[in-house]
């Protein structure tokens, strides 16, 4: 039953995501979110944890240590996640400026939207596509840790005139809440279930954990569009201005990583961990930095980016079958055989 549910949720993922977007937008246009800002903040955190915790139950802790030895994928992910994005977005913002006026604050907001560390959702996305979950977890922790120094450095390079600062505690607190708490709870849950049910019984439950994460993702999509509905409706011109550079950023990063990783011999599982931790960004952190600096326009790209990020990364999840074939993944045949049995 749990396997059938996971297959169903995977198959109709775009439909559920689009439904979540529309539902969230319609609700957001008819309610005032501002008085409930703290409630939404707490709810968002709960939903993120609900997506990560089930994935952590499937995490093989003994393989985390082995993932640290994978210097090639770790190096690629960190360069593509923390070094390339701000430079690429700077160039794309300049390119977009050829077609319509992009203010310096808006340009800086675009850079800020991609310079922040990877989203904790990267772990969930990696789990959805049968990627290297252990490597993704290591990369999220390393990215957040390095971001404490890297983010202020890039902001100084691109916006020294604004004298922006970042709270290191904000990043540390995010790591503790969205990574280590679900990790600890997941390890304990896995240990208890294996002891109680055995390996065979635990294997039967594994698809259920992925399904719970998918439900969490659909809920997050709805919440994001609920919160940003009036922003989208009130500033359509600004949203259109950030559309081109953001769209180009995701297309270039995803396409480059897909071909580059294959070219240098990275495995499918490692590629997926690299891709989602490099491309997916923690927009909550970006918005917090922008708002702390007192620049509303600068916060708009960070607020709008989740719309593009969800669409592009969910689309990449749906392409997993073709990417597996492109990487010559042997597990694709087994997956197709399992799906055929369920039909």
C-alpha atoms as a PDB file:
ATOM      1  CA  UNK A   1       0.000   0.000   0.000  1.00  0.00           C
ATOM      2  CA  UNK A   2       2.787   2.455   0.964  1.00  0.00           C
ATOM      3  CA  UNK A   3       4.632   1.601  -2.269  1.00  0.00           C
ATOM      4  CA  UNK A   4       1.509   2.284  -4.360  1.00  0.00           C
ATOM      5  CA  UNK A   5       1.009   5.623  -2.591  1.00  0.00           C
ATOM      6  CA  UNK A   6       4.596   6.686  -3.334  1.00  0.00           C
ATOM      7  CA  UNK A   7       4.269   5.688  -7.006  1.00  0.00           C
ATOM      8  CA  UNK A   8       0.996   7.652  -7.247  1.00  0.00           C
ATOM      9  CA  UNK A   9       2.494  10.772  -5.637  1.00  0.00           C
ATOM     10  CA  UNK A  10       5.556  10.553  -7.888  1.00  0.00           C
ATOM     11  CA  UNK A  11       3.477  10.096 -11.046  1.00  0.00           C
ATOM     12  CA  UNK A  12       1.139  13.039 -10.378  1.00  0.00           C
ATOM     13  CA  UNK A  13       3.757  15.287  -8.762  1.00  0.00           C
ATOM     14  CA  UNK A  14       3.384  18.180 -11.287  1.00  0.00           C
ATOM     15  CA  UNK A  15      -0.415  18.137 -10.912  1.00  0.00           C
ATOM     16  CA  UNK A  16      -0.231  18.334  -7.117  1.00  0.00           C
ATOM     17  CA  UNK A  17       2.430  21.071  -7.214  1.00  0.00           C
ATOM     18  CA  UNK A  18       0.407  23.212  -9.641  1.00  0.00           C
ATOM     19  CA  UNK A  19      -2.722  22.641  -7.538  1.00  0.00           C
ATOM     20  CA  UNK A  20      -0.779  23.728  -4.446  1.00  0.00           C
ATOM     21  CA  UNK A  21       0.384  26.891  -6.223  1.00  0.00           C
ATOM     22  CA  UNK A  22      -3.138  27.835  -7.330  1.00  0.00           C
ATOM     23  CA  UNK A  23      -4.704  26.994  -3.969  1.00  0.00           C
ATOM     24  CA  UNK A  24      -2.086  28.978  -2.066  1.00  0.00           C
ATOM     25  CA  UNK A  25      -2.424  31.995  -4.388  1.00  0.00           C
ATOM     26  CA  UNK A  26      -6.227  32.048  -4.160  1.00  0.00           C
ATOM     27  CA  UNK A  27      -6.211  31.778  -0.357  1.00  0.00           C
ATOM     28  CA  UNK A  28      -3.422  34.345  -0.058  1.00  0.00           C
ATOM     29  CA  UNK A  29      -5.394  36.880  -2.102  1.00  0.00           C
ATOM     30  CA  UNK A  30      -8.340  36.654   0.292  1.00  0.00           C
ATOM     31  CA  UNK A  31      -6.608  36.690   3.685  1.00  0.00           C
ATOM     32  CA  UNK A  32      -4.230  39.093   5.386  1.00  0.00           C
ATOM     33  CA  UNK A  33      -1.029  37.165   6.080  1.00  0.00           C
ATOM     34  CA  UNK A  34       0.895  39.959   7.854  1.00  0.00           C
ATOM     35  CA  UNK A  35      -0.815  39.671  11.279  1.00  0.00           C
ATOM     36  CA  UNK A  36       0.017  35.941  11.247  1.00  0.00           C
ATOM     37  CA  UNK A  37       3.638  36.339  10.134  1.00  0.00           C
ATOM     38  CA  UNK A  38       5.107  34.547  13.170  1.00  0.00           C
ATOM     39  CA  UNK A  39       2.578  31.739  12.869  1.00  0.00           C
ATOM     40  CA  UNK A  40       3.512  31.179   9.214  1.00  0.00           C
ATOM     41  CA  UNK A  41       7.200  31.279  10.110  1.00  0.00           C
ATOM     42  CA  UNK A  42       6.676  28.534  12.689  1.00  0.00           C
ATOM     43  CA  UNK A  43       4.434  26.559  10.346  1.00  0.00           C
ATOM     44  CA  UNK A  44       7.022  26.753   7.555  1.00  0.00           C
ATOM     45  CA  UNK A  45       9.679  25.398   9.900  1.00  0.00           C
ATOM     46  CA  UNK A  46       7.412  22.533  10.985  1.00  0.00           C
ATOM     47  CA  UNK A  47       6.658  21.632   7.365  1.00  0.00           C
ATOM     48  CA  UNK A  48      10.369  21.713   6.419  1.00  0.00           C
ATOM     49  CA  UNK A  49      11.167  19.382   9.317  1.00  0.00           C
ATOM     50  CA  UNK A  50       8.286  17.110   8.269  1.00  0.00           C
ATOM     51  CA  UNK A  51       9.961  16.804   4.846  1.00  0.00           C
ATOM     52  CA  UNK A  52      13.472  16.190   6.179  1.00  0.00           C
ATOM     53  CA  UNK A  53      12.742  13.918   9.157  1.00  0.00           C
ATOM     54  CA  UNK A  54      11.262  11.007   7.128  1.00  0.00           C
ATOM     55  CA  UNK A  55      14.248  11.160   4.758  1.00  0.00           C
ATOM     56  CA  UNK A  56      16.601  10.981   7.739  1.00  0.00           C
ATOM     57  CA  UNK A  57      14.952   7.727   8.837  1.00  0.00           C
ATOM     58  CA  UNK A  58      16.100   6.233   5.517  1.00  0.00           C
ATOM     59  CA  UNK A  59      19.593   7.663   6.042  1.00  0.00           C
ATOM     60  CA  UNK A  60      22.385   5.114   6.483  1.00  0.00           C
ATOM     61  CA  UNK A  61      24.484   6.771   9.160  1.00  0.00           C
ATOM     62  CA  UNK A  62      27.397   4.392   8.697  1.00  0.00           C
ATOM     63  CA  UNK A  63      27.808   5.723   5.140  1.00  0.00           C
ATOM     64  CA  UNK A  64      28.062   9.388   6.190  1.00  0.00           C
ATOM     65  CA  UNK A  65      31.732   8.882   7.029  1.00  0.00           C
ATOM     66  CA  UNK A  66      32.342   7.332   3.602  1.00  0.00           C
ATOM     67  CA  UNK A  67      30.650  10.309   1.912  1.00  0.00           C
ATOM     68  CA  UNK A  68      33.236  12.658   3.427  1.00  0.00           C
ATOM     69  CA  UNK A  69      35.881  10.856   1.371  1.00  0.00           C
ATOM     70  CA  UNK A  70      34.127  11.773  -1.891  1.00  0.00           C
ATOM     71  CA  UNK A  71      36.323  14.826  -2.504  1.00  0.00           C
ATOM     72  CA  UNK A  72      35.370  15.158  -6.207  1.00  0.00           C
ATOM     73  CA  UNK A  73      31.574  15.506  -5.808  1.00  0.00           C
ATOM     74  CA  UNK A  74      32.018  17.605  -2.657  1.00  0.00           C
ATOM     75  CA  UNK A  75      34.372  19.995  -4.479  1.00  0.00           C
ATOM     76  CA  UNK A  76      32.028  20.278  -7.483  1.00  0.00           C
ATOM     77  CA  UNK A  77      29.002  20.933  -5.273  1.00  0.00           C
ATOM     78  CA  UNK A  78      30.732  23.626  -3.209  1.00  0.00           C
ATOM     79  CA  UNK A  79      32.137  25.447  -6.247  1.00  0.00           C
ATOM     80  CA  UNK A  80      28.805  25.273  -8.113  1.00  0.00           C
ATOM     81  CA  UNK A  81      26.870  26.205  -4.979  1.00  0.00           C
ATOM     82  CA  UNK A  82      28.940  28.965  -3.378  1.00  0.00           C
ATOM     83  CA  UNK A  83      31.359  30.312  -6.018  1.00  0.00           C
ATOM     84  CA  UNK A  84      29.691  30.195  -9.447  1.00  0.00           C
ATOM     85  CA  UNK A  85      26.108  31.408  -8.623  1.00  0.00           C
ATOM     86  CA  UNK A  86      26.855  35.037  -7.595  1.00  0.00           C
ATOM     87  CA  UNK A  87      29.192  35.549 -10.575  1.00  0.00           C
ATOM     88  CA  UNK A  88      26.688  33.972 -12.976  1.00  0.00           C
ATOM     89  CA  UNK A  89      23.777  35.991 -11.576  1.00  0.00           C
ATOM     90  CA  UNK A  90      25.795  39.231 -11.789  1.00  0.00           C
ATOM     91  CA  UNK A  91      26.319  38.583 -15.505  1.00  0.00           C
ATOM     92  CA  UNK A  92      22.669  37.585 -16.019  1.00  0.00           C
ATOM     93  CA  UNK A  93      21.445  40.741 -14.250  1.00  0.00           C
ATOM     94  CA  UNK A  94      23.654  42.789 -16.589  1.00  0.00           C
ATOM     95  CA  UNK A  95      22.205  40.885 -19.545  1.00  0.00           C
ATOM     96  CA  UNK A  96      18.631  41.492 -18.350  1.00  0.00           C
ATOM     97  CA  UNK A  97      19.478  45.191 -18.039  1.00  0.00           C
ATOM     98  CA  UNK A  98      19.850  45.325 -21.812  1.00  0.00           C
ATOM     99  CA  UNK A  99      16.086  44.746 -22.169  1.00  0.00           C
ATOM    100  CA  UNK A 100      14.619  46.609 -19.176  1.00  0.00           C
ATOM    101  CA  UNK A 101      15.924  48.797 -16.338  1.00  0.00           C
ATOM    102  CA  UNK A 102      17.163  46.708 -13.391  1.00  0.00           C
ATOM    103  CA  UNK A 103      18.007  48.861 -10.374  1.00  0.00           C
ATOM    104  CA  UNK A 104      21.189  48.259  -8.403  1.00  0.00           C
ATOM    105  CA  UNK A 105      19.171  47.118  -5.378  1.00  0.00           C
ATOM    106  CA  UNK A 106      17.181  44.670  -7.486  1.00  0.00           C
ATOM    107  CA  UNK A 107      20.414  43.359  -9.036  1.00  0.00           C
ATOM    108  CA  UNK A 108      21.894  42.917  -5.570  1.00  0.00           C
ATOM    109  CA  UNK A 109      18.706  41.136  -4.494  1.00  0.00           C
ATOM    110  CA  UNK A 110      19.121  38.699  -7.377  1.00  0.00           C
ATOM    111  CA  UNK A 111      22.722  38.010  -6.345  1.00  0.00           C
ATOM    112  CA  UNK A 112      21.676  37.583  -2.716  1.00  0.00           C
ATOM    113  CA  UNK A 113      18.995  35.082  -3.779  1.00  0.00           C
ATOM    114  CA  UNK A 114      21.659  32.713  -5.170  1.00  0.00           C
ATOM    115  CA  UNK A 115      24.650  33.390  -2.902  1.00  0.00           C
ATOM    116  CA  UNK A 116      23.005  31.939   0.223  1.00  0.00           C
ATOM    117  CA  UNK A 117      23.689  28.281   1.136  1.00  0.00           C
ATOM    118  CA  UNK A 118      21.653  25.396  -0.207  1.00  0.00           C
ATOM    119  CA  UNK A 119      18.151  24.706   0.990  1.00  0.00           C
ATOM    120  CA  UNK A 120      17.547  21.877   3.429  1.00  0.00           C
ATOM    121  CA  UNK A 121      14.923  20.754   0.906  1.00  0.00           C
ATOM    122  CA  UNK A 122      17.888  19.574  -1.189  1.00  0.00           C
ATOM    123  CA  UNK A 123      18.024  16.505   1.040  1.00  0.00           C
ATOM    124  CA  UNK A 124      14.361  15.755   0.387  1.00  0.00           C
ATOM    125  CA  UNK A 125      14.702  16.251  -3.378  1.00  0.00           C
ATOM    126  CA  UNK A 126      17.735  13.942  -3.382  1.00  0.00           C
ATOM    127  CA  UNK A 127      15.713  11.323  -1.564  1.00  0.00           C
ATOM    128  CA  UNK A 128      12.829  11.625  -4.029  1.00  0.00           C
ATOM    129  CA  UNK A 129      15.102  10.643  -6.951  1.00  0.00           C
ATOM    130  CA  UNK A 130      17.054   7.893  -5.175  1.00  0.00           C
ATOM    131  CA  UNK A 131      20.186  10.039  -4.988  1.00  0.00           C
ATOM    132  CA  UNK A 132      23.062   9.828  -2.490  1.00  0.00           C
ATOM    133  CA  UNK A 133      21.245  10.969   0.656  1.00  0.00           C
ATOM    134  CA  UNK A 134      24.354  10.724   2.810  1.00  0.00           C
ATOM    135  CA  UNK A 135      26.363  12.943   0.457  1.00  0.00           C
ATOM    136  CA  UNK A 136      23.503  15.475   0.271  1.00  0.00           C
ATOM    137  CA  UNK A 137      23.361  15.693   4.071  1.00  0.00           C
ATOM    138  CA  UNK A 138      27.127  16.266   4.316  1.00  0.00           C
ATOM    139  CA  UNK A 139      26.950  18.930   1.587  1.00  0.00           C
ATOM    140  CA  UNK A 140      24.111  20.829   3.287  1.00  0.00           C
ATOM    141  CA  UNK A 141      26.028  20.970   6.577  1.00  0.00           C
ATOM    142  CA  UNK A 142      29.307  22.031   4.908  1.00  0.00           C
ATOM    143  CA  UNK A 143      27.533  24.639   2.750  1.00  0.00           C
ATOM    144  CA  UNK A 144      25.803  26.221   5.723  1.00  0.00           C
ATOM    145  CA  UNK A 145      29.052  26.280   7.703  1.00  0.00           C
ATOM    146  CA  UNK A 146      31.102  27.863   4.893  1.00  0.00           C
ATOM    147  CA  UNK A 147      28.297  30.329   4.123  1.00  0.00           C
ATOM    148  CA  UNK A 148      28.961  32.083   7.436  1.00  0.00           C
ATOM    149  CA  UNK A 149      32.098  33.507   5.814  1.00  0.00           C
ATOM    150  CA  UNK A 150      31.301  33.224   2.100  1.00  0.00           C
ATOM    151  CA  UNK A 151      27.987  35.145   2.054  1.00  0.00           C
ATOM    152  CA  UNK A 152      29.314  38.317   3.721  1.00  0.00           C
ATOM    153  CA  UNK A 153      32.382  38.160   1.458  1.00  0.00           C
ATOM    154  CA  UNK A 154      30.318  38.072  -1.742  1.00  0.00           C
ATOM    155  CA  UNK A 155      27.988  40.793  -0.463  1.00  0.00           C
ATOM    156  CA  UNK A 156      31.014  42.974   0.231  1.00  0.00           C
ATOM    157  CA  UNK A 157      32.379  42.330  -3.260  1.00  0.00           C
ATOM    158  CA  UNK A 158      29.103  43.173  -5.012  1.00  0.00           C
ATOM    159  CA  UNK A 159      27.632  45.737  -2.645  1.00  0.00           C
ATOM    160  CA  UNK A 160      30.307  47.392  -0.519  1.00  0.00           C
ATOM    161  CA  UNK A 161      28.346  50.642  -0.710  1.00  0.00           C
ATOM    162  CA  UNK A 162      25.422  49.107   1.207  1.00  0.00           C
ATOM    163  CA  UNK A 163      27.534  47.937   4.199  1.00  0.00           C
ATOM    164  CA  UNK A 164      25.378  44.864   4.667  1.00  0.00           C
ATOM    165  CA  UNK A 165      26.011  42.438   7.511  1.00  0.00           C
ATOM    166  CA  UNK A 166      24.813  38.929   8.219  1.00  0.00           C
ATOM    167  CA  UNK A 167      24.000  37.189  11.463  1.00  0.00           C
ATOM    168  CA  UNK A 168      26.188  34.101  11.839  1.00  0.00           C
ATOM    169  CA  UNK A 169      23.758  32.894  14.507  1.00  0.00           C
ATOM    170  CA  UNK A 170      20.935  32.898  11.923  1.00  0.00           C
ATOM    171  CA  UNK A 171      22.833  30.336   9.853  1.00  0.00           C
ATOM    172  CA  UNK A 172      23.885  28.265  12.864  1.00  0.00           C
ATOM    173  CA  UNK A 173      20.318  28.219  14.199  1.00  0.00           C
ATOM    174  CA  UNK A 174      18.985  27.106  10.800  1.00  0.00           C
ATOM    175  CA  UNK A 175      21.482  24.233  10.698  1.00  0.00           C
ATOM    176  CA  UNK A 176      20.467  23.084  14.166  1.00  0.00           C
ATOM    177  CA  UNK A 177      16.732  23.228  13.478  1.00  0.00           C
ATOM    178  CA  UNK A 178      16.408  21.861   9.941  1.00  0.00           C
ATOM    179  CA  UNK A 179      19.334  19.424   9.849  1.00  0.00           C
ATOM    180  CA  UNK A 180      20.542  18.199  13.216  1.00  0.00           C
ATOM    181  CA  UNK A 181      17.172  17.899  14.985  1.00  0.00           C
ATOM    182  CA  UNK A 182      15.621  15.812  12.143  1.00  0.00           C
ATOM    183  CA  UNK A 183      18.916  13.895  11.833  1.00  0.00           C
ATOM    184  CA  UNK A 184      18.956  12.946  15.511  1.00  0.00           C
ATOM    185  CA  UNK A 185      15.261  12.050  15.511  1.00  0.00           C
ATOM    186  CA  UNK A 186      15.681  10.061  12.286  1.00  0.00           C
ATOM    187  CA  UNK A 187      18.622   8.044  13.644  1.00  0.00           C
ATOM    188  CA  UNK A 188      16.710   7.153  16.793  1.00  0.00           C
ATOM    189  CA  UNK A 189      13.574   6.246  14.811  1.00  0.00           C
ATOM    190  CA  UNK A 190      15.549   4.069  12.385  1.00  0.00           C
ATOM    191  CA  UNK A 191      17.276   2.275  15.267  1.00  0.00           C
ATOM    192  CA  UNK A 192      13.944   1.638  17.020  1.00  0.00           C
ATOM    193  CA  UNK A 193      12.171   0.400  13.853  1.00  0.00           C
ATOM    194  CA  UNK A 194      15.025  -1.920  12.835  1.00  0.00           C
ATOM    195  CA  UNK A 195      15.107  -3.375  16.321  1.00  0.00           C
ATOM    196  CA  UNK A 196      11.320  -3.775  16.455  1.00  0.00           C
ATOM    197  CA  UNK A 197      10.546  -4.857  12.863  1.00  0.00           C
ATOM    198  CA  UNK A 198      13.834  -6.182  11.516  1.00  0.00           C
ATOM    199  CA  UNK A 199      15.351  -5.325   8.132  1.00  0.00           C
ATOM    200  CA  UNK A 200      12.502  -6.877   6.135  1.00  0.00           C
ATOM    201  CA  UNK A 201       9.776  -5.074   8.072  1.00  0.00           C
ATOM    202  CA  UNK A 202      11.645  -1.788   7.882  1.00  0.00           C
ATOM    203  CA  UNK A 203      12.030  -2.117   4.087  1.00  0.00           C
ATOM    204  CA  UNK A 204       8.246  -2.310   3.734  1.00  0.00           C
ATOM    205  CA  UNK A 205       7.875   1.021   5.536  1.00  0.00           C
ATOM    206  CA  UNK A 206      10.546   2.913   3.560  1.00  0.00           C
ATOM    207  CA  UNK A 207       8.204   4.091   0.741  1.00  0.00           C
ATOM    208  CA  UNK A 208       5.868   5.536   3.395  1.00  0.00           C
ATOM    209  CA  UNK A 209       8.590   7.893   4.635  1.00  0.00           C
ATOM    210  CA  UNK A 210       9.123   9.222   1.101  1.00  0.00           C
ATOM    211  CA  UNK A 211       5.362   9.749   0.746  1.00  0.00           C
ATOM    212  CA  UNK A 212       5.245  11.786   3.965  1.00  0.00           C
ATOM    213  CA  UNK A 213       8.059  13.972   2.603  1.00  0.00           C
ATOM    214  CA  UNK A 214       6.124  14.507  -0.630  1.00  0.00           C
ATOM    215  CA  UNK A 215       3.013  15.555   1.310  1.00  0.00           C
ATOM    216  CA  UNK A 216       5.235  17.996   3.185  1.00  0.00           C
ATOM    217  CA  UNK A 217       6.539  19.423  -0.077  1.00  0.00           C
ATOM    218  CA  UNK A 218       3.027  19.969  -1.436  1.00  0.00           C
ATOM    219  CA  UNK A 219       2.100  21.752   1.794  1.00  0.00           C
ATOM    220  CA  UNK A 220       5.197  23.960   1.545  1.00  0.00           C
ATOM    221  CA  UNK A 221       4.297  24.955  -2.025  1.00  0.00           C
ATOM    222  CA  UNK A 222       0.821  26.002  -0.867  1.00  0.00           C
ATOM    223  CA  UNK A 223       2.210  28.014   2.057  1.00  0.00           C
ATOM    224  CA  UNK A 224       4.778  29.846  -0.090  1.00  0.00           C
ATOM    225  CA  UNK A 225       2.166  30.952  -2.626  1.00  0.00           C
ATOM    226  CA  UNK A 226      -0.248  31.854   0.158  1.00  0.00           C
ATOM    227  CA  UNK A 227       2.354  34.171   1.732  1.00  0.00           C
ATOM    228  CA  UNK A 228       3.572  35.716  -1.548  1.00  0.00           C
ATOM    229  CA  UNK A 229       0.215  36.051  -3.362  1.00  0.00           C
ATOM    230  CA  UNK A 230      -0.294  39.764  -2.676  1.00  0.00           C
ATOM    231  CA  UNK A 231       3.345  40.559  -3.376  1.00  0.00           C
ATOM    232  CA  UNK A 232       3.034  38.934  -6.793  1.00  0.00           C
ATOM    233  CA  UNK A 233      -0.250  40.750  -7.468  1.00  0.00           C
ATOM    234  CA  UNK A 234       1.001  44.172  -6.249  1.00  0.00           C
ATOM    235  CA  UNK A 235       4.377  44.210  -8.019  1.00  0.00           C
ATOM    236  CA  UNK A 236       3.914  42.296 -11.289  1.00  0.00           C
ATOM    237  CA  UNK A 237       6.484  44.480 -13.111  1.00  0.00           C
ATOM    238  CA  UNK A 238       9.239  43.661 -10.598  1.00  0.00           C
ATOM    239  CA  UNK A 239       8.329  39.989 -10.752  1.00  0.00           C
ATOM    240  CA  UNK A 240       8.630  40.137 -14.548  1.00  0.00           C
ATOM    241  CA  UNK A 241      12.031  41.850 -14.245  1.00  0.00           C
ATOM    242  CA  UNK A 242      13.482  39.048 -12.131  1.00  0.00           C
ATOM    243  CA  UNK A 243      11.884  36.368 -14.308  1.00  0.00           C
ATOM    244  CA  UNK A 244      14.507  36.347 -17.082  1.00  0.00           C
ATOM    245  CA  UNK A 245      17.710  36.183 -14.976  1.00  0.00           C
ATOM    246  CA  UNK A 246      16.223  33.633 -12.559  1.00  0.00           C
ATOM    247  CA  UNK A 247      14.949  31.389 -15.348  1.00  0.00           C
ATOM    248  CA  UNK A 248      18.314  31.539 -17.130  1.00  0.00           C
ATOM    249  CA  UNK A 249      20.170  30.834 -13.879  1.00  0.00           C
ATOM    250  CA  UNK A 250      18.289  27.582 -13.211  1.00  0.00           C
ATOM    251  CA  UNK A 251      18.436  26.401 -16.813  1.00  0.00           C
ATOM    252  CA  UNK A 252      22.192  27.052 -17.106  1.00  0.00           C
ATOM    253  CA  UNK A 253      23.087  25.492 -13.744  1.00  0.00           C
ATOM    254  CA  UNK A 254      20.943  22.374 -14.218  1.00  0.00           C
ATOM    255  CA  UNK A 255      22.041  21.815 -17.818  1.00  0.00           C
ATOM    256  CA  UNK A 256      25.728  22.366 -17.050  1.00  0.00           C
ATOM    257  CA  UNK A 257      25.769  20.036 -14.044  1.00  0.00           C
ATOM    258  CA  UNK A 258      23.893  17.310 -15.925  1.00  0.00           C
ATOM    259  CA  UNK A 259      26.433  17.194 -18.748  1.00  0.00           C
ATOM    260  CA  UNK A 260      29.559  18.092 -16.761  1.00  0.00           C
ATOM    261  CA  UNK A 261      29.047  15.458 -14.050  1.00  0.00           C
ATOM    262  CA  UNK A 262      28.484  12.786 -16.688  1.00  0.00           C
ATOM    263  CA  UNK A 263      31.566  13.957 -18.596  1.00  0.00           C
ATOM    264  CA  UNK A 264      33.916  13.599 -15.605  1.00  0.00           C
ATOM    265  CA  UNK A 265      32.438  10.268 -14.480  1.00  0.00           C
ATOM    266  CA  UNK A 266      30.293  11.241 -11.494  1.00  0.00           C
ATOM    267  CA  UNK A 267      27.702   8.572 -10.662  1.00  0.00           C
ATOM    268  CA  UNK A 268      23.957   9.210 -10.987  1.00  0.00           C
ATOM    269  CA  UNK A 269      23.389   9.118  -7.213  1.00  0.00           C
ATOM    270  CA  UNK A 270      26.221  11.547  -6.503  1.00  0.00           C
ATOM    271  CA  UNK A 271      25.126  13.800  -9.372  1.00  0.00           C
ATOM    272  CA  UNK A 272      21.653  14.214  -7.905  1.00  0.00           C
ATOM    273  CA  UNK A 273      23.100  15.129  -4.493  1.00  0.00           C
ATOM    274  CA  UNK A 274      25.449  17.642  -6.166  1.00  0.00           C
ATOM    275  CA  UNK A 275      22.695  19.169  -8.294  1.00  0.00           C
ATOM    276  CA  UNK A 276      20.060  19.757  -5.633  1.00  0.00           C
ATOM    277  CA  UNK A 277      22.546  21.060  -3.048  1.00  0.00           C
ATOM    278  CA  UNK A 278      24.171  23.380  -5.621  1.00  0.00           C
ATOM    279  CA  UNK A 279      21.105  24.782  -7.353  1.00  0.00           C
ATOM    280  CA  UNK A 280      18.533  24.867  -4.533  1.00  0.00           C
ATOM    281  CA  UNK A 281      18.943  27.911  -2.260  1.00  0.00           C
ATOM    282  CA  UNK A 282      17.706  28.780   1.239  1.00  0.00           C
ATOM    283  CA  UNK A 283      15.489  31.749   0.403  1.00  0.00           C
ATOM    284  CA  UNK A 284      14.379  32.125   4.025  1.00  0.00           C
ATOM    285  CA  UNK A 285      17.946  33.112   4.890  1.00  0.00           C
ATOM    286  CA  UNK A 286      18.141  35.430   1.863  1.00  0.00           C
ATOM    287  CA  UNK A 287      14.907  37.202   2.827  1.00  0.00           C
ATOM    288  CA  UNK A 288      16.064  37.548   6.437  1.00  0.00           C
ATOM    289  CA  UNK A 289      19.325  39.218   5.314  1.00  0.00           C
ATOM    290  CA  UNK A 290      17.503  41.566   2.938  1.00  0.00           C
ATOM    291  CA  UNK A 291      14.903  42.576   5.505  1.00  0.00           C
ATOM    292  CA  UNK A 292      17.583  43.081   8.185  1.00  0.00           C
ATOM    293  CA  UNK A 293      19.258  45.523   5.795  1.00  0.00           C
ATOM    294  CA  UNK A 294      15.959  47.421   5.510  1.00  0.00           C
ATOM    295  CA  UNK A 295      15.697  47.097   1.741  1.00  0.00           C
ATOM    296  CA  UNK A 296      12.259  45.981   0.601  1.00  0.00           C
ATOM    297  CA  UNK A 297      13.052  45.895  -3.126  1.00  0.00           C
ATOM    298  CA  UNK A 298      16.160  43.831  -2.437  1.00  0.00           C
ATOM    299  CA  UNK A 299      13.982  41.216  -0.704  1.00  0.00           C
ATOM    300  CA  UNK A 300      11.660  40.725  -3.701  1.00  0.00           C
ATOM    301  CA  UNK A 301      13.948  38.377  -5.694  1.00  0.00           C
ATOM    302  CA  UNK A 302      14.387  36.179  -2.610  1.00  0.00           C
ATOM    303  CA  UNK A 303      10.617  36.162  -2.112  1.00  0.00           C
ATOM    304  CA  UNK A 304       9.892  35.318  -5.756  1.00  0.00           C
ATOM    305  CA  UNK A 305      12.748  32.818  -6.260  1.00  0.00           C
ATOM    306  CA  UNK A 306      10.956  29.914  -4.489  1.00  0.00           C
ATOM    307  CA  UNK A 307       8.356  29.992  -7.278  1.00  0.00           C
ATOM    308  CA  UNK A 308      11.033  29.377  -9.913  1.00  0.00           C
ATOM    309  CA  UNK A 309      13.052  27.089  -7.666  1.00  0.00           C
ATOM    310  CA  UNK A 310      10.146  24.766  -6.918  1.00  0.00           C
ATOM    311  CA  UNK A 311       9.069  24.629 -10.570  1.00  0.00           C
ATOM    312  CA  UNK A 312      12.595  23.936 -11.872  1.00  0.00           C
ATOM    313  CA  UNK A 313      13.631  21.427  -9.211  1.00  0.00           C
ATOM    314  CA  UNK A 314      10.318  19.565  -9.298  1.00  0.00           C
ATOM    315  CA  UNK A 315      10.695  19.440 -13.070  1.00  0.00           C
ATOM    316  CA  UNK A 316      14.178  17.982 -12.616  1.00  0.00           C
ATOM    317  CA  UNK A 317      12.741  15.392 -10.225  1.00  0.00           C
ATOM    318  CA  UNK A 318      10.302  14.350 -12.935  1.00  0.00           C
ATOM    319  CA  UNK A 319      13.224  13.981 -15.372  1.00  0.00           C
ATOM    320  CA  UNK A 320      14.996  11.546 -13.018  1.00  0.00           C
ATOM    321  CA  UNK A 321      13.994   8.545 -15.127  1.00  0.00           C
ATOM    322  CA  UNK A 322      15.629   9.997 -18.246  1.00  0.00           C
ATOM    323  CA  UNK A 323      18.675  11.210 -16.321  1.00  0.00           C
ATOM    324  CA  UNK A 324      19.160   7.700 -14.916  1.00  0.00           C
ATOM    325  CA  UNK A 325      19.116   6.358 -18.450  1.00  0.00           C
ATOM    326  CA  UNK A 326      21.562   9.069 -19.577  1.00  0.00           C
ATOM    327  CA  UNK A 327      23.926   8.118 -16.744  1.00  0.00           C
ATOM    328  CA  UNK A 328      23.526   4.427 -17.574  1.00  0.00           C
ATOM    329  CA  UNK A 329      22.090   3.681 -14.155  1.00  0.00           C
ATOM    330  CA  UNK A 330      21.430  -0.039 -13.698  1.00  0.00           C
ATOM    331  CA  UNK A 331      18.790   0.651 -11.062  1.00  0.00           C
ATOM    332  CA  UNK A 332      16.470   2.118 -13.710  1.00  0.00           C
ATOM    333  CA  UNK A 333      15.641  -1.306 -15.108  1.00  0.00           C
ATOM    334  CA  UNK A 334      14.762  -2.609 -11.639  1.00  0.00           C
ATOM    335  CA  UNK A 335      12.619   0.463 -10.974  1.00  0.00           C
ATOM    336  CA  UNK A 336      10.712   0.025 -14.225  1.00  0.00           C
ATOM    337  CA  UNK A 337      10.135  -3.665 -13.435  1.00  0.00           C
ATOM    338  CA  UNK A 338       8.716  -2.756 -10.014  1.00  0.00           C
ATOM    339  CA  UNK A 339       6.427  -0.125 -11.528  1.00  0.00           C
ATOM    340  CA  UNK A 340       5.248  -2.600 -14.158  1.00  0.00           C
ATOM    341  CA  UNK A 341       4.242  -5.079 -11.427  1.00  0.00           C
ATOM    342  CA  UNK A 342       2.048  -2.421  -9.824  1.00  0.00           C
ATOM    343  CA  UNK A 343       0.134  -1.640 -13.016  1.00  0.00           C
END
